[in-house]
Amino acid sequence: MPNINKLKGKIVEKGRNVEDLAKAIGVNKSTLYRKFRNDGENISIKEAIQIINELNLSIEEANAIFFNHFVAYNAKKIKMRN
């Protein structure tokens, strides 16, 4: 699941708001708010890529927001194997 708090922080940091971002990626603002309230579970890969591009996020920022739980999980699996 995406880190919605980090994502919201980046939206503000970039001088944007959720309504503006929703319009830019082609979704209704209510839909994007609903996805945020649902811990981002329903954010598609396509939408994530659009958000990354629209906010001009670095690879590190994108990973921290959208893929951090995968990285942490895989790091834990690797440690367990050793």
Protein backbone atom coordinates (compact mmCIF):
# COMPACT_ATOMS: atom_id res chain seq x y z
CA MET A 1 0.00 0.00 0.00
CA PRO A 2 1.20 3.50 -0.71
CA ASN A 3 2.26 5.77 2.12
CA ILE A 4 -0.58 8.27 1.75
CA ASN A 5 0.82 10.64 4.38
CA LYS A 6 4.10 10.94 2.46
CA LEU A 7 2.18 11.37 -0.78
CA LYS A 8 0.03 14.15 0.69
CA GLY A 9 3.18 15.82 2.00
CA LYS A 10 4.76 15.71 -1.46
CA ILE A 11 1.61 17.14 -3.02
CA VAL A 12 1.81 20.13 -0.67
CA GLU A 13 5.59 20.39 -1.02
CA LYS A 14 5.20 20.65 -4.79
CA GLY A 15 2.63 23.46 -4.37
CA ARG A 16 -0.29 21.35 -5.52
CA ASN A 17 -3.52 20.07 -4.00
CA VAL A 18 -5.52 16.87 -4.40
CA GLU A 19 -8.11 18.50 -6.65
CA ASP A 20 -5.42 19.81 -8.99
CA LEU A 21 -3.62 16.45 -9.04
CA ALA A 22 -6.86 14.55 -9.72
CA LYS A 23 -7.60 16.78 -12.70
CA ALA A 24 -4.04 16.43 -14.01
CA ILE A 25 -4.17 12.61 -13.94
CA GLY A 26 -7.70 12.45 -15.31
CA VAL A 27 -9.69 11.19 -12.33
CA ASN A 28 -12.54 12.77 -10.43
CA LYS A 29 -11.39 14.50 -7.24
CA SER A 30 -13.92 12.49 -5.21
CA THR A 31 -12.43 9.28 -6.58
CA LEU A 32 -8.90 10.31 -5.64
CA TYR A 33 -10.00 11.39 -2.15
CA ARG A 34 -11.74 8.01 -1.74
CA LYS A 35 -8.59 6.17 -2.79
CA PHE A 36 -6.57 8.19 -0.27
CA ARG A 37 -9.07 7.42 2.52
CA ASN A 38 -8.82 3.75 1.62
CA ASP A 39 -5.03 3.84 2.29
CA GLY A 40 -4.36 3.92 -1.44
CA GLU A 41 -5.28 0.27 -1.91
CA ASN A 42 -7.11 1.01 -5.15
CA ILE A 43 -4.50 3.26 -6.74
CA SER A 44 -3.60 1.55 -9.98
CA ILE A 45 -0.08 1.25 -11.35
CA LYS A 46 -1.11 3.60 -14.15
CA GLU A 47 -2.34 6.19 -11.65
CA ALA A 48 0.81 5.80 -9.54
CA ILE A 49 2.97 6.44 -12.61
CA GLN A 50 0.86 9.45 -13.54
CA ILE A 51 1.19 10.83 -10.01
CA ILE A 52 4.95 10.24 -10.02
CA ASN A 53 5.29 12.06 -13.34
CA GLU A 54 2.89 14.87 -12.46
CA LEU A 55 4.67 15.59 -9.18
CA ASN A 56 8.09 15.05 -10.78
CA LEU A 57 9.10 12.66 -8.01
CA SER A 58 12.58 11.19 -7.89
CA ILE A 59 13.03 7.43 -7.92
CA GLU A 60 13.76 7.52 -4.20
CA GLU A 61 10.63 9.56 -3.47
CA ALA A 62 8.47 7.29 -5.62
CA ASN A 63 9.86 4.16 -3.95
CA ALA A 64 9.33 5.62 -0.46
CA ILE A 65 5.70 6.43 -1.27
CA PHE A 66 4.55 3.58 -3.47
CA PHE A 67 6.91 0.64 -2.90
CA ASN A 68 8.43 0.97 0.57
CA HIS A 69 6.48 -1.97 2.00
CA PHE A 70 7.76 -4.24 -0.82
CA VAL A 71 11.34 -3.16 -0.20
CA ALA A 72 11.02 -3.70 3.57
CA TYR A 73 9.36 -7.09 3.05
CA ASN A 74 12.02 -8.27 0.59
CA ALA A 75 14.84 -7.02 2.81
CA LYS A 76 13.36 -9.01 5.70
CA LYS A 77 13.10 -12.15 3.51
CA ILE A 78 16.74 -11.79 2.45
CA LYS A 79 17.91 -11.48 6.07
CA MET A 80 15.92 -14.57 7.02
CA ARG A 81 17.63 -16.64 4.31
CA ASN A 82 21.14 -15.80 5.51
